[in-house]
């Protein structure tokens, strides 16, 4: 039995009991008024539980609907008498609207609709695709407060730095503190002033191997405004094989050799002790003959580090072998110390000298993410010129380039004028040293072609929301095995790109889950629906505004029709009636009847 009938029956039983008590009462004075008050009190009490609805006609364009989306201000639509619609999961309290489960299906089922008035933050890119050809009027809500852009690498190697970058939009009147927290302590923070947008870039070196979740926390004094998860997976460093050819074993080579060994890089080190005589060390790898450099020996390495004097000392056949292997993908890093190049490979980059103030330290910076290193006690005078085909990697505080790179065939050539990075280790700045050499090695080393790659849409897959998994299987066009936590998915093949497959999944729990693609298993983080809400709202706002701007809205004459909508009588009227009737019954029995 429905609740409405239970309420009515209970009300009738209560009324019958009250009337029985009134009729049995000895004092018959004001009995008519008491019976009437009892009927009104019980009737109003039932109507507080069971609202009265009625239909009314309003004037509305026959080809237009009002669509309320997330972020709609109830006060801004309260005076709109037209019939309103909303989408699932949009919580609009005190606003009566008809829910549309599928906007695309609704519009196709109502071909007379050609216009939409959208209120709130708007729609996402997928939903907007279904509105091509419609005339859109967008009434945007105020910009959201919070992190509206964020990016970081979710997969890192143990020697890499976690860099979390983005923008915080503070629409409030108070200053906000934003901090990156990991393993129970804050590792970096900034302050955002009121009514401002500010970019942030947090950096930390993960000390763990495996999965972890950092947090971006926004604070106003002691109040937590938001707490956004930053999941990161840290893996062991891949075995990148490095060959070092040194004209003499200086301190830079000595410390670099030790660092590569401690970080488990397979390393071959050859230094010249006299003409055509060499000393060789093999760390984390088997020994081989390095007396003669050729393509056969170079094939065993992903990267070659060499100083310009040693490069010039090699014979023409050895330099030709290096050139061939670089074109085939091997990385090459050349250390230079003079303004005049001595080999064709090192002549790819022009150099110049610039005097510096005596005693001035060298402040280096990564050009990619503006990461600033601690100062080096060096008086640097040698710098590199750059052109449009170069990609500078390391500059000083004034923007002069010290490490430059260029593509050569399938490989990459790097040249460096920095001579003594080992000073970071001597002064205890191990993170700077590791960041510097990890960046150079990652940029120069031979790129390994992954047999498969996986992309997840959207950026923040959330529980109980549609998630698309795209797998590129370059080595095979066979039907792949796709599973999430042992739930087998049904992939479909891209007809234009037969090596690409995708599948849809609705996550059932938050946190880390195992995504299996054939024999490979990798972790995937599932967010809560409320995570990164400000970013999602800003993205919808931007997408909808851009869509409306690009749409060719044509003002067509609309026919105004009577539209039947359902209204509800305010419960406050029934509450007032119940209160007055109950007060009269109490007053009559306590005061007048005595």
Protein backbone atom coordinates (compact mmCIF):
# COMPACT_ATOMS: atom_id res chain seq x y z
CA UNK A 1 0.00 0.00 0.00
CA UNK A 2 1.38 3.44 -0.95
CA UNK A 3 2.34 5.84 1.80
CA UNK A 4 -0.28 8.41 0.69
CA UNK A 5 -3.09 5.97 1.45
CA UNK A 6 -1.57 5.01 4.78
CA UNK A 7 -1.44 8.71 5.74
CA UNK A 8 -5.08 9.30 4.72
CA UNK A 9 -6.35 6.23 6.60
CA UNK A 10 -4.37 7.19 9.70
CA UNK A 11 -5.82 10.71 9.49
CA UNK A 12 -9.38 9.42 9.22
CA UNK A 13 -8.89 7.14 12.21
CA UNK A 14 -7.47 10.03 14.23
CA UNK A 15 -10.38 12.28 13.21
CA UNK A 16 -12.90 9.61 14.16
CA UNK A 17 -11.29 9.27 17.57
CA UNK A 18 -11.35 13.05 18.16
CA UNK A 19 -15.00 13.34 17.07
CA UNK A 20 -15.94 10.46 19.36
CA UNK A 21 -14.23 12.20 22.30
CA UNK A 22 -16.00 15.46 21.50
CA UNK A 23 -19.46 13.86 21.28
CA UNK A 24 -18.90 12.01 24.59
CA UNK A 25 -17.76 15.14 26.36
CA UNK A 26 -20.11 16.36 29.16
CA UNK A 27 -19.60 20.09 28.44
CA UNK A 28 -21.33 20.67 25.10
CA UNK A 29 -20.44 24.38 24.91
CA UNK A 30 -18.77 25.42 21.61
CA UNK A 31 -18.99 21.82 20.36
CA UNK A 32 -19.58 22.96 16.77
CA UNK A 33 -16.42 25.07 16.83
CA UNK A 34 -14.47 22.24 18.44
CA UNK A 35 -15.59 19.71 15.82
CA UNK A 36 -14.74 22.17 13.05
CA UNK A 37 -11.29 22.85 14.60
CA UNK A 38 -10.63 19.10 14.92
CA UNK A 39 -11.51 18.53 11.26
CA UNK A 40 -9.26 21.43 10.16
CA UNK A 41 -6.34 20.32 12.39
CA UNK A 42 -6.40 16.71 11.19
CA UNK A 43 -6.97 17.73 7.57
CA UNK A 44 -4.05 20.20 7.61
CA UNK A 45 -1.81 17.66 9.36
CA UNK A 46 -2.50 15.07 6.62
CA UNK A 47 -1.92 17.67 3.90
CA UNK A 48 1.44 18.48 5.43
CA UNK A 49 2.41 14.90 4.61
CA UNK A 50 0.41 14.50 1.38
CA UNK A 51 0.86 17.68 -0.72
CA UNK A 52 -1.90 18.90 -3.03
CA UNK A 53 -0.86 19.29 -6.64
CA UNK A 54 -2.79 20.90 -9.45
CA UNK A 55 -2.30 21.61 -13.13
CA UNK A 56 -2.10 25.08 -14.62
CA UNK A 57 -1.43 26.58 -18.03
CA UNK A 58 1.56 28.83 -18.78
CA UNK A 59 2.65 30.57 -21.95
CA UNK A 60 5.82 28.93 -23.35
CA UNK A 61 7.49 28.66 -26.72
CA UNK A 62 6.49 25.33 -28.21
CA UNK A 63 9.99 24.71 -29.59
CA UNK A 64 11.93 25.70 -26.48
CA UNK A 65 12.81 24.07 -23.16
CA UNK A 66 14.57 25.28 -20.04
CA UNK A 67 17.40 22.96 -18.95
CA UNK A 68 18.85 23.30 -15.44
CA UNK A 69 22.37 21.91 -14.96
CA UNK A 70 24.75 21.65 -12.01
CA UNK A 71 25.51 24.96 -10.34
CA UNK A 72 22.13 26.53 -11.11
CA UNK A 73 21.25 29.24 -8.59
CA UNK A 74 17.69 28.45 -7.38
CA UNK A 75 16.95 32.15 -6.90
CA UNK A 76 17.81 32.91 -10.52
CA UNK A 77 15.19 30.47 -11.85
CA UNK A 78 12.54 30.86 -9.13
CA UNK A 79 10.59 33.46 -11.13
CA UNK A 80 10.57 31.38 -14.31
CA UNK A 81 7.03 30.05 -14.74
CA UNK A 82 7.84 27.84 -17.73
CA UNK A 83 8.28 24.11 -17.36
CA UNK A 84 11.82 23.19 -16.32
CA UNK A 85 13.94 20.12 -17.03
CA UNK A 86 17.10 18.80 -15.43
CA UNK A 87 19.55 15.92 -15.84
CA UNK A 88 20.22 13.01 -13.46
CA UNK A 89 22.63 13.58 -10.55
CA UNK A 90 21.87 17.33 -10.57
CA UNK A 91 20.72 18.20 -7.05
CA UNK A 92 18.52 21.31 -7.15
CA UNK A 93 16.71 21.75 -3.87
CA UNK A 94 13.44 23.73 -3.80
CA UNK A 95 13.33 23.77 -7.61
CA UNK A 96 10.66 21.66 -9.30
CA UNK A 97 11.93 20.20 -12.54
CA UNK A 98 11.31 17.14 -14.69
CA UNK A 99 14.32 14.82 -14.89
CA UNK A 100 15.59 13.86 -18.34
CA UNK A 101 17.49 10.57 -18.08
CA UNK A 102 18.98 10.83 -21.59
CA UNK A 103 19.10 14.27 -23.24
CA UNK A 104 19.87 12.92 -26.70
CA UNK A 105 16.91 10.49 -26.61
CA UNK A 106 14.60 13.19 -25.23
CA UNK A 107 15.43 15.61 -28.06
CA UNK A 108 14.98 12.95 -30.73
CA UNK A 109 11.63 12.01 -29.17
CA UNK A 110 10.54 15.67 -29.34
CA UNK A 111 11.46 16.82 -32.85
CA UNK A 112 9.59 20.12 -32.43
CA UNK A 113 12.20 21.36 -29.93
CA UNK A 114 14.83 23.59 -31.55
CA UNK A 115 15.89 25.87 -28.69
CA UNK A 116 17.37 25.30 -25.26
CA UNK A 117 17.87 27.75 -22.43
CA UNK A 118 20.64 26.29 -20.29
CA UNK A 119 21.25 27.48 -16.72
CA UNK A 120 24.18 26.58 -14.44
CA UNK A 121 27.64 25.34 -15.45
CA UNK A 122 26.35 23.78 -18.65
CA UNK A 123 27.10 20.42 -20.24
CA UNK A 124 30.21 18.37 -20.89
CA UNK A 125 31.77 17.91 -24.32
CA UNK A 126 30.00 14.59 -24.99
CA UNK A 127 26.55 16.01 -24.22
CA UNK A 128 27.22 19.14 -26.27
CA UNK A 129 27.87 17.06 -29.39
CA UNK A 130 24.20 16.11 -29.37
CA UNK A 131 23.14 19.79 -29.53
CA UNK A 132 24.55 20.61 -32.94
CA UNK A 133 21.92 22.47 -34.94
CA UNK A 134 20.01 23.67 -31.87
CA UNK A 135 19.74 27.30 -30.82
CA UNK A 136 21.35 27.61 -27.39
CA UNK A 137 20.91 30.33 -24.81
CA UNK A 138 23.38 29.95 -21.96
CA UNK A 139 22.86 31.62 -18.58
CA UNK A 140 26.13 30.76 -16.83
CA UNK A 141 26.52 30.53 -13.08
CA UNK A 142 29.30 32.32 -11.22
CA UNK A 143 32.76 30.83 -11.67
CA UNK A 144 33.53 28.05 -9.16
CA UNK A 145 36.08 28.44 -6.39
CA UNK A 146 38.79 25.80 -6.26
CA UNK A 147 41.35 24.05 -8.45
CA UNK A 148 40.19 24.61 -12.05
CA UNK A 149 43.20 23.02 -13.79
CA UNK A 150 45.61 20.30 -12.70
CA UNK A 151 48.14 18.00 -14.30
CA UNK A 152 50.79 15.54 -13.16
CA UNK A 153 52.43 12.32 -14.34
CA UNK A 154 50.60 9.41 -12.75
CA UNK A 155 53.47 7.02 -13.51
CA UNK A 156 57.00 7.84 -12.38
CA UNK A 157 60.32 6.13 -12.08
CA UNK A 158 62.08 6.00 -8.72
CA UNK A 159 64.63 8.65 -9.75
CA UNK A 160 62.05 11.10 -11.13
CA UNK A 161 60.42 14.09 -9.44
CA UNK A 162 56.68 14.38 -8.90
CA UNK A 163 55.54 17.75 -10.28
CA UNK A 164 51.90 18.78 -9.71
CA UNK A 165 50.90 21.87 -11.66
CA UNK A 166 47.63 23.71 -12.10
CA UNK A 167 45.56 26.81 -11.36
CA UNK A 168 43.56 27.75 -8.27
CA UNK A 169 40.62 30.12 -8.72
CA UNK A 170 39.74 31.99 -5.52
CA UNK A 171 36.39 33.76 -5.96
CA UNK A 172 36.03 34.38 -2.23
CA UNK A 173 36.95 37.39 -0.13
CA UNK A 174 39.53 35.59 2.01
CA UNK A 175 43.07 34.35 1.40
CA UNK A 176 43.42 30.60 0.78
CA UNK A 177 46.43 28.39 1.45
CA UNK A 178 46.99 25.51 -0.98
CA UNK A 179 49.37 22.72 -0.04
CA UNK A 180 50.52 19.37 -1.37
CA UNK A 181 50.46 16.69 1.31
CA UNK A 182 51.94 13.23 1.15
CA UNK A 183 52.39 10.49 3.73
CA UNK A 184 50.98 12.67 6.50
CA UNK A 185 53.08 15.80 6.02
CA UNK A 186 53.01 18.90 3.80
CA UNK A 187 55.75 18.92 1.17
CA UNK A 188 55.01 22.23 -0.59
CA UNK A 189 52.52 25.11 -0.36
CA UNK A 190 51.49 28.53 -1.73
CA UNK A 191 49.05 31.30 -0.75
CA UNK A 192 46.27 32.55 -3.06
CA UNK A 193 44.86 36.01 -2.50
CA UNK A 194 41.16 36.87 -2.57
CA UNK A 195 39.48 37.33 -5.97
CA UNK A 196 42.52 36.02 -7.86
CA UNK A 197 43.61 33.13 -10.06
CA UNK A 198 47.06 31.76 -9.35
CA UNK A 199 49.11 29.05 -11.00
CA UNK A 200 50.93 26.57 -8.79
CA UNK A 201 53.73 24.06 -9.31
CA UNK A 202 54.52 21.68 -6.45
CA UNK A 203 57.54 19.38 -6.53
CA UNK A 204 58.62 16.45 -4.41
CA UNK A 205 60.78 13.36 -4.81
CA UNK A 206 58.77 10.21 -3.94
CA UNK A 207 60.58 7.92 -1.50
CA UNK A 208 58.35 4.92 -2.10
CA UNK A 209 57.87 2.22 -4.72
CA UNK A 210 54.31 1.32 -5.67
CA UNK A 211 50.99 3.13 -5.37
CA UNK A 212 50.36 6.20 -3.24
CA UNK A 213 47.80 9.01 -3.04
CA UNK A 214 49.00 12.54 -2.34
CA UNK A 215 46.49 15.31 -1.58
CA UNK A 216 46.01 18.89 -2.70
CA UNK A 217 44.38 20.64 0.27
CA UNK A 218 42.88 24.13 0.26
CA UNK A 219 42.69 25.79 3.69
CA UNK A 220 41.19 28.98 5.05
CA UNK A 221 42.73 29.37 8.50
CA UNK A 222 41.79 26.04 10.16
CA UNK A 223 38.88 25.24 7.82
CA UNK A 224 39.43 22.72 5.03
CA UNK A 225 37.82 24.03 1.82
CA UNK A 226 38.70 21.10 -0.43
CA UNK A 227 40.82 17.97 -0.46
CA UNK A 228 41.65 16.54 -3.89
CA UNK A 229 43.45 13.18 -4.36
CA UNK A 230 46.64 12.98 -6.45
CA UNK A 231 47.29 9.28 -7.17
CA UNK A 232 50.83 8.34 -8.22
CA UNK A 233 52.42 5.05 -9.18
CA UNK A 234 56.20 4.87 -8.71
CA UNK A 235 58.08 2.06 -10.42
CA UNK A 236 61.68 0.90 -10.47
CA UNK A 237 64.03 2.58 -12.93
CA UNK A 238 64.12 0.76 -16.25
CA UNK A 239 67.51 -0.80 -17.04
CA UNK A 240 68.82 1.97 -19.35
CA UNK A 241 72.25 0.85 -20.60
CA UNK A 242 74.81 3.67 -20.54
CA UNK A 243 78.27 3.87 -22.14
CA UNK A 244 80.74 6.53 -20.97
CA UNK A 245 83.87 7.28 -23.03
CA UNK A 246 86.18 9.62 -21.14
CA UNK A 247 89.37 11.30 -22.30
CA UNK A 248 90.42 11.26 -18.63
CA UNK A 249 88.59 10.19 -15.43
CA UNK A 250 87.77 13.58 -13.84
CA UNK A 251 85.60 14.10 -10.75
CA UNK A 252 82.46 14.62 -12.82
CA UNK A 253 82.82 11.19 -14.38
CA UNK A 254 83.74 9.60 -11.04
CA UNK A 255 80.63 10.81 -9.23
CA UNK A 256 78.38 10.13 -12.24
CA UNK A 257 79.68 6.56 -12.47
CA UNK A 258 78.93 5.96 -8.78
CA UNK A 259 75.45 7.49 -9.05
CA UNK A 260 74.56 5.36 -12.09
CA UNK A 261 75.79 2.24 -10.28
CA UNK A 262 73.82 3.03 -7.10
CA UNK A 263 70.65 3.57 -9.16
CA UNK A 264 71.09 0.21 -10.92
CA UNK A 265 71.93 1.48 -14.40
CA UNK A 266 73.90 -1.04 -16.49
CA UNK A 267 77.09 0.95 -17.16
CA UNK A 268 80.25 0.52 -19.19
CA UNK A 269 82.98 3.10 -18.47
CA UNK A 270 86.10 3.51 -20.62
CA UNK A 271 88.83 6.05 -19.94
CA UNK A 272 92.01 6.66 -21.91
CA UNK A 273 95.25 6.15 -19.95
CA UNK A 274 97.64 6.55 -22.93
CA UNK A 275 97.46 6.44 -26.70
CA UNK A 276 95.31 3.47 -27.76
CA UNK A 277 95.31 2.12 -24.20
CA UNK A 278 92.17 2.19 -22.09
CA UNK A 279 90.92 1.24 -18.65
CA UNK A 280 87.36 -0.14 -18.55
CA UNK A 281 84.81 -0.74 -15.80
CA UNK A 282 81.57 -2.70 -16.15
CA UNK A 283 78.92 -2.12 -13.50
CA UNK A 284 75.60 -3.97 -13.32
CA UNK A 285 76.42 -5.70 -16.61
CA UNK A 286 78.73 -8.23 -18.24
CA UNK A 287 82.06 -7.09 -19.70
CA UNK A 288 82.71 -6.63 -23.42
CA UNK A 289 85.48 -5.40 -25.69
CA UNK A 290 85.48 -1.58 -25.91
CA UNK A 291 88.93 -1.11 -27.48
CA UNK A 292 87.24 -0.51 -30.81
CA UNK A 293 83.95 1.40 -31.01
CA UNK A 294 81.65 0.17 -33.77
CA UNK A 295 77.96 -0.31 -34.48
CA UNK A 296 78.03 -3.82 -33.05
CA UNK A 297 79.26 -2.65 -29.62
CA UNK A 298 77.04 0.46 -29.61
CA UNK A 299 73.89 -1.60 -30.25
CA UNK A 300 74.15 -2.88 -26.68
CA UNK A 301 73.61 0.64 -25.23
CA UNK A 302 70.75 3.12 -25.05
CA UNK A 303 72.94 6.14 -24.46
CA UNK A 304 76.51 7.34 -24.93
CA UNK A 305 78.10 10.04 -22.74
CA UNK A 306 81.37 11.44 -24.09
CA UNK A 307 83.47 14.58 -23.75
CA UNK A 308 84.48 16.50 -26.86
CA UNK A 309 88.20 15.72 -26.50
CA UNK A 310 87.50 11.98 -26.50
CA UNK A 311 85.10 12.34 -29.44
CA UNK A 312 87.81 14.14 -31.41
CA UNK A 313 90.37 11.43 -30.48
CA UNK A 314 88.26 8.68 -32.05
CA UNK A 315 89.04 7.69 -35.60
CA UNK A 316 86.70 8.52 -38.47
CA UNK A 317 85.18 5.02 -38.55
CA UNK A 318 84.32 5.18 -34.84
CA UNK A 319 82.72 8.61 -35.20
CA UNK A 320 80.79 7.34 -38.22
CA UNK A 321 79.53 4.39 -36.16
CA UNK A 322 78.34 6.77 -33.44
CA UNK A 323 76.60 8.92 -36.06
CA UNK A 324 74.84 5.87 -37.52
CA UNK A 325 73.67 4.63 -34.14
CA UNK A 326 72.37 8.06 -33.12
CA UNK A 327 70.32 8.17 -36.32
CA UNK A 328 68.95 4.75 -35.34
CA UNK A 329 67.79 5.92 -31.92
CA UNK A 330 70.76 5.92 -29.53
CA UNK A 331 71.08 9.00 -27.32
CA UNK A 332 74.28 11.04 -27.27
CA UNK A 333 75.43 13.54 -24.63
CA UNK A 334 78.57 15.54 -25.42
CA UNK A 335 80.38 17.50 -22.71
CA UNK A 336 82.14 20.58 -24.11
CA UNK A 337 84.58 23.00 -22.50
CA UNK A 338 85.74 25.30 -25.34
CA UNK A 339 84.12 27.73 -27.74
CA UNK A 340 85.42 26.02 -30.90
CA UNK A 341 83.85 22.68 -31.94
CA UNK A 342 86.30 19.94 -32.90
CA UNK A 343 83.92 17.37 -34.48
CA UNK A 344 80.93 17.54 -36.87
CA UNK A 345 78.60 16.11 -34.20
CA UNK A 346 79.51 18.72 -31.60
CA UNK A 347 79.36 21.44 -34.29
CA UNK A 348 75.56 21.02 -34.40
CA UNK A 349 75.38 23.63 -31.61
CA UNK A 350 76.95 27.10 -31.67
CA UNK A 351 78.63 28.43 -28.52
CA UNK A 352 79.70 31.75 -27.08
CA UNK A 353 81.43 33.17 -24.03
CA UNK A 354 79.86 35.63 -21.64
CA UNK A 355 81.78 37.18 -18.75
CA UNK A 356 80.34 36.85 -15.26
CA UNK A 357 80.96 38.66 -12.02
CA UNK A 358 83.71 37.11 -9.96
CA UNK A 359 82.43 34.90 -7.18
CA UNK A 360 78.91 34.65 -8.62
CA UNK A 361 77.24 31.23 -8.27
CA UNK A 362 75.51 29.34 -11.08
CA UNK A 363 71.73 29.03 -10.73
CA UNK A 364 70.32 26.36 -13.05
CA UNK A 365 66.70 25.77 -14.04
CA UNK A 366 64.79 23.12 -16.02
CA UNK A 367 63.10 24.83 -18.96
CA UNK A 368 60.26 22.29 -19.10
CA UNK A 369 58.72 22.96 -15.69
CA UNK A 370 60.78 25.91 -14.37
CA UNK A 371 62.25 23.74 -11.62
CA UNK A 372 65.02 25.72 -9.89
CA UNK A 373 68.13 23.92 -8.66
CA UNK A 374 70.23 24.95 -5.70
CA UNK A 375 73.21 27.15 -6.71
CA UNK A 376 76.48 25.63 -7.91
CA UNK A 377 79.76 27.32 -6.86
CA UNK A 378 80.86 27.84 -10.49
CA UNK A 379 81.82 30.89 -12.53
CA UNK A 380 80.18 29.84 -15.81
CA UNK A 381 81.37 31.65 -18.94
CA UNK A 382 80.56 29.17 -21.74
CA UNK A 383 76.98 29.11 -23.09
CA UNK A 384 75.08 27.71 -26.07
CA UNK A 385 73.23 29.48 -28.85
CA UNK A 386 69.81 28.10 -29.78
CA UNK A 387 67.77 28.06 -32.97
CA UNK A 388 64.20 27.09 -33.82
CA UNK A 389 65.09 23.41 -34.23
CA UNK A 390 66.69 23.12 -30.79
CA UNK A 391 65.06 22.26 -27.48
CA UNK A 392 66.95 23.84 -24.56
CA UNK A 393 66.85 21.68 -21.42
CA UNK A 394 68.84 23.62 -18.83
CA UNK A 395 69.26 27.39 -18.54
CA UNK A 396 70.63 29.76 -15.95
CA UNK A 397 68.61 32.38 -14.05
CA UNK A 398 69.03 34.91 -16.89
CA UNK A 399 67.81 32.50 -19.57
CA UNK A 400 71.21 31.58 -21.08
CA UNK A 401 71.28 27.97 -22.30
CA UNK A 402 73.77 25.50 -20.81
CA UNK A 403 72.28 22.18 -22.01
CA UNK A 404 70.73 22.05 -25.47
CA UNK A 405 69.26 19.23 -27.56
CA UNK A 406 68.45 18.45 -31.17
CA UNK A 407 66.95 15.53 -33.05
CA UNK A 408 69.15 13.53 -35.39
CA UNK A 409 67.33 10.78 -37.25
CA UNK A 410 65.54 8.62 -34.66
CA UNK A 411 67.92 9.68 -31.91
CA UNK A 412 68.74 12.81 -30.00
CA UNK A 413 71.99 14.71 -29.45
CA UNK A 414 72.55 16.70 -26.24
CA UNK A 415 75.41 19.07 -25.55
CA UNK A 416 76.34 20.38 -22.10
CA UNK A 417 78.67 23.13 -20.91
CA UNK A 418 78.15 22.36 -17.20
CA UNK A 419 81.37 20.89 -15.88
CA UNK A 420 80.93 20.15 -12.17
CA UNK A 421 77.48 18.99 -11.11
CA UNK A 422 79.14 16.76 -8.50
CA UNK A 423 79.29 19.84 -6.23
CA UNK A 424 75.62 19.17 -5.44
CA UNK A 425 76.60 15.84 -3.94
CA UNK A 426 79.48 17.38 -1.99
CA UNK A 427 77.08 19.90 -0.44
CA UNK A 428 74.40 17.29 0.33
CA UNK A 429 72.00 18.33 -2.47
CA UNK A 430 71.35 14.76 -3.68
CA UNK A 431 67.87 15.59 -5.02
CA UNK A 432 69.25 18.28 -7.35
CA UNK A 433 71.90 15.93 -8.70
CA UNK A 434 69.40 13.11 -9.25
CA UNK A 435 66.86 15.44 -10.90
CA UNK A 436 69.49 16.91 -13.23
CA UNK A 437 70.90 13.64 -14.52
CA UNK A 438 67.54 11.85 -14.59
CA UNK A 439 66.20 14.61 -16.84
CA UNK A 440 69.19 14.47 -19.21
CA UNK A 441 69.13 10.68 -19.42
CA UNK A 442 65.37 10.57 -19.98
CA UNK A 443 65.60 13.12 -22.81
CA UNK A 444 68.56 11.57 -24.59
CA UNK A 445 68.18 7.82 -24.13
CA UNK A 446 66.90 5.47 -26.79
CA UNK A 447 63.11 5.43 -26.79
CA UNK A 448 61.55 2.04 -26.32
CA UNK A 449 58.42 1.43 -28.35
CA UNK A 450 55.70 0.13 -26.07
CA UNK A 451 53.80 -2.79 -27.53
CA UNK A 452 50.66 -1.36 -25.96
CA UNK A 453 49.37 1.81 -24.37
CA UNK A 454 46.18 2.55 -22.46
CA UNK A 455 44.22 5.82 -22.20
CA UNK A 456 41.38 6.44 -19.75
CA UNK A 457 38.49 8.85 -20.37
CA UNK A 458 37.50 11.00 -18.59
CA UNK A 459 40.61 12.38 -16.86
CA UNK A 460 39.12 11.55 -13.45
CA UNK A 461 37.18 8.26 -13.72
CA UNK A 462 34.60 8.24 -10.92
CA UNK A 463 32.59 5.53 -9.20
CA UNK A 464 29.25 4.63 -10.85
CA UNK A 465 30.04 6.85 -13.85
CA UNK A 466 30.78 5.79 -17.41
CA UNK A 467 34.49 5.22 -18.07
CA UNK A 468 36.04 4.55 -21.47
CA UNK A 469 39.20 2.44 -21.71
CA UNK A 470 41.18 2.79 -24.97
CA UNK A 471 43.94 0.26 -25.65
CA UNK A 472 46.44 0.63 -28.52
CA UNK A 473 48.00 -2.74 -29.32
CA UNK A 474 50.65 -1.93 -31.91
CA UNK A 475 51.94 -5.48 -32.13
CA UNK A 476 48.61 -7.22 -32.66
CA UNK A 477 45.13 -6.81 -34.08
CA UNK A 478 43.71 -9.78 -32.19
CA UNK A 479 40.86 -9.46 -29.72
CA UNK A 480 42.52 -8.36 -26.45
CA UNK A 481 41.66 -9.45 -22.93
CA UNK A 482 40.41 -6.48 -20.90
CA UNK A 483 39.59 -6.94 -17.22
CA UNK A 484 39.11 -4.67 -14.21
CA UNK A 485 39.30 -6.46 -10.87
CA UNK A 486 38.51 -9.74 -12.65
CA UNK A 487 35.45 -8.24 -14.36
CA UNK A 488 35.82 -9.10 -18.02
CA UNK A 489 34.98 -6.31 -20.47
CA UNK A 490 33.78 -6.57 -24.06
CA UNK A 491 36.13 -4.54 -26.27
CA UNK A 492 35.20 -3.24 -29.71
CA UNK A 493 37.63 -2.65 -32.56
CA UNK A 494 38.21 0.69 -34.27
CA UNK A 495 37.35 0.17 -37.93
CA UNK A 496 39.83 2.84 -39.11
CA UNK A 497 42.61 1.91 -36.65
CA UNK A 498 42.40 -1.89 -36.33
CA UNK A 499 45.09 -1.99 -33.61
CA UNK A 500 42.93 0.18 -31.33
CA UNK A 501 40.26 -1.27 -29.04
CA UNK A 502 37.97 0.33 -26.49
CA UNK A 503 35.51 -0.77 -23.82
CA UNK A 504 33.18 0.89 -21.34
CA UNK A 505 33.05 0.27 -17.62
CA UNK A 506 31.08 1.61 -14.66
CA UNK A 507 33.40 1.42 -11.61
CA UNK A 508 31.82 -0.01 -8.47
CA UNK A 509 34.33 1.14 -5.86
CA UNK A 510 36.78 3.96 -5.26
CA UNK A 511 40.53 3.65 -4.85
CA UNK A 512 43.08 1.54 -6.72
CA UNK A 513 41.83 -1.23 -9.01
CA UNK A 514 43.76 -3.62 -11.27
CA UNK A 515 43.40 -3.05 -15.01
CA UNK A 516 44.49 -6.06 -17.06
CA UNK A 517 45.30 -5.72 -20.78
CA UNK A 518 46.25 -9.17 -22.09
CA UNK A 519 49.08 -10.31 -19.79
CA UNK A 520 49.93 -6.87 -18.39
CA UNK A 521 48.35 -5.57 -15.18
CA UNK A 522 48.60 -1.94 -14.13
CA UNK A 523 46.87 -0.01 -11.33
CA UNK A 524 44.03 2.41 -12.10
CA UNK A 525 42.69 4.92 -9.58
CA UNK A 526 38.92 5.45 -9.31
CA UNK A 527 37.83 8.79 -7.83
CA UNK A 528 34.78 9.72 -5.80
CA UNK A 529 32.04 11.67 -7.59
CA UNK A 530 32.82 14.72 -5.49
CA UNK A 531 36.56 14.74 -6.27
CA UNK A 532 37.86 17.58 -8.45
CA UNK A 533 34.37 19.11 -8.67
CA UNK A 534 35.56 22.70 -9.23
CA UNK A 535 37.75 21.55 -12.14
CA UNK A 536 34.87 19.63 -13.71
CA UNK A 537 32.48 22.57 -13.30
CA UNK A 538 34.95 25.01 -14.84
CA UNK A 539 35.56 22.64 -17.74
CA UNK A 540 31.81 22.36 -18.42
CA UNK A 541 31.51 26.14 -18.18
CA UNK A 542 34.32 26.63 -20.70
CA UNK A 543 33.05 23.92 -23.06
CA UNK A 544 29.49 25.27 -23.07
CA UNK A 545 30.57 28.87 -23.59
CA UNK A 546 32.85 27.83 -26.45
CA UNK A 547 30.11 25.68 -27.99
CA UNK A 548 27.62 28.56 -27.88
CA UNK A 549 30.23 30.90 -29.35
CA UNK A 550 30.96 28.55 -32.24
CA UNK A 551 27.31 27.65 -32.87
CA UNK A 552 25.45 29.40 -35.67
CA UNK A 553 22.41 30.44 -33.66
CA UNK A 554 19.60 31.56 -35.93
CA UNK A 555 16.75 33.53 -34.44
CA UNK A 556 13.63 31.86 -35.74
CA UNK A 557 10.13 33.04 -34.91
CA UNK A 558 8.62 30.84 -32.26
CA UNK A 559 5.02 29.90 -31.74
CA UNK A 560 3.77 30.48 -28.20
CA UNK A 561 1.56 27.69 -26.84
CA UNK A 562 -0.16 26.91 -23.57
CA UNK A 563 1.89 24.35 -21.68
CA UNK A 564 0.37 22.39 -18.83
CA UNK A 565 2.62 22.25 -15.77
CA UNK A 566 2.06 20.75 -12.36
CA UNK A 567 2.13 23.08 -9.35
CA UNK A 568 2.01 22.31 -5.64
CA UNK A 569 0.20 24.28 -2.92
CA UNK A 570 2.68 25.55 -0.33
CA UNK A 571 2.65 23.46 2.86
CA UNK A 572 2.98 26.63 4.91
CA UNK A 573 -0.77 27.27 4.44
CA UNK A 574 -1.57 23.87 5.98
CA UNK A 575 0.94 24.41 8.76
CA UNK A 576 -0.73 27.72 9.64
CA UNK A 577 -4.18 26.06 9.61
CA UNK A 578 -2.96 23.20 11.82
CA UNK A 579 -1.28 25.62 14.24
CA UNK A 580 -4.38 27.86 14.59
CA UNK A 581 -6.79 24.93 15.02
CA UNK A 582 -4.58 23.17 17.55
CA UNK A 583 -4.10 26.42 19.47
CA UNK A 584 -7.88 26.95 19.60
CA UNK A 585 -8.50 23.40 20.90
CA UNK A 586 -5.84 23.83 23.58
CA UNK A 587 -7.12 27.28 24.61
CA UNK A 588 -10.76 26.10 24.71
CA UNK A 589 -9.95 23.04 26.86
CA UNK A 590 -7.56 24.83 29.23
CA UNK A 591 -9.07 28.33 29.57
CA UNK A 592 -12.66 28.55 28.34
CA UNK A 593 -13.82 25.19 29.73
CA UNK A 594 -12.76 25.98 33.31
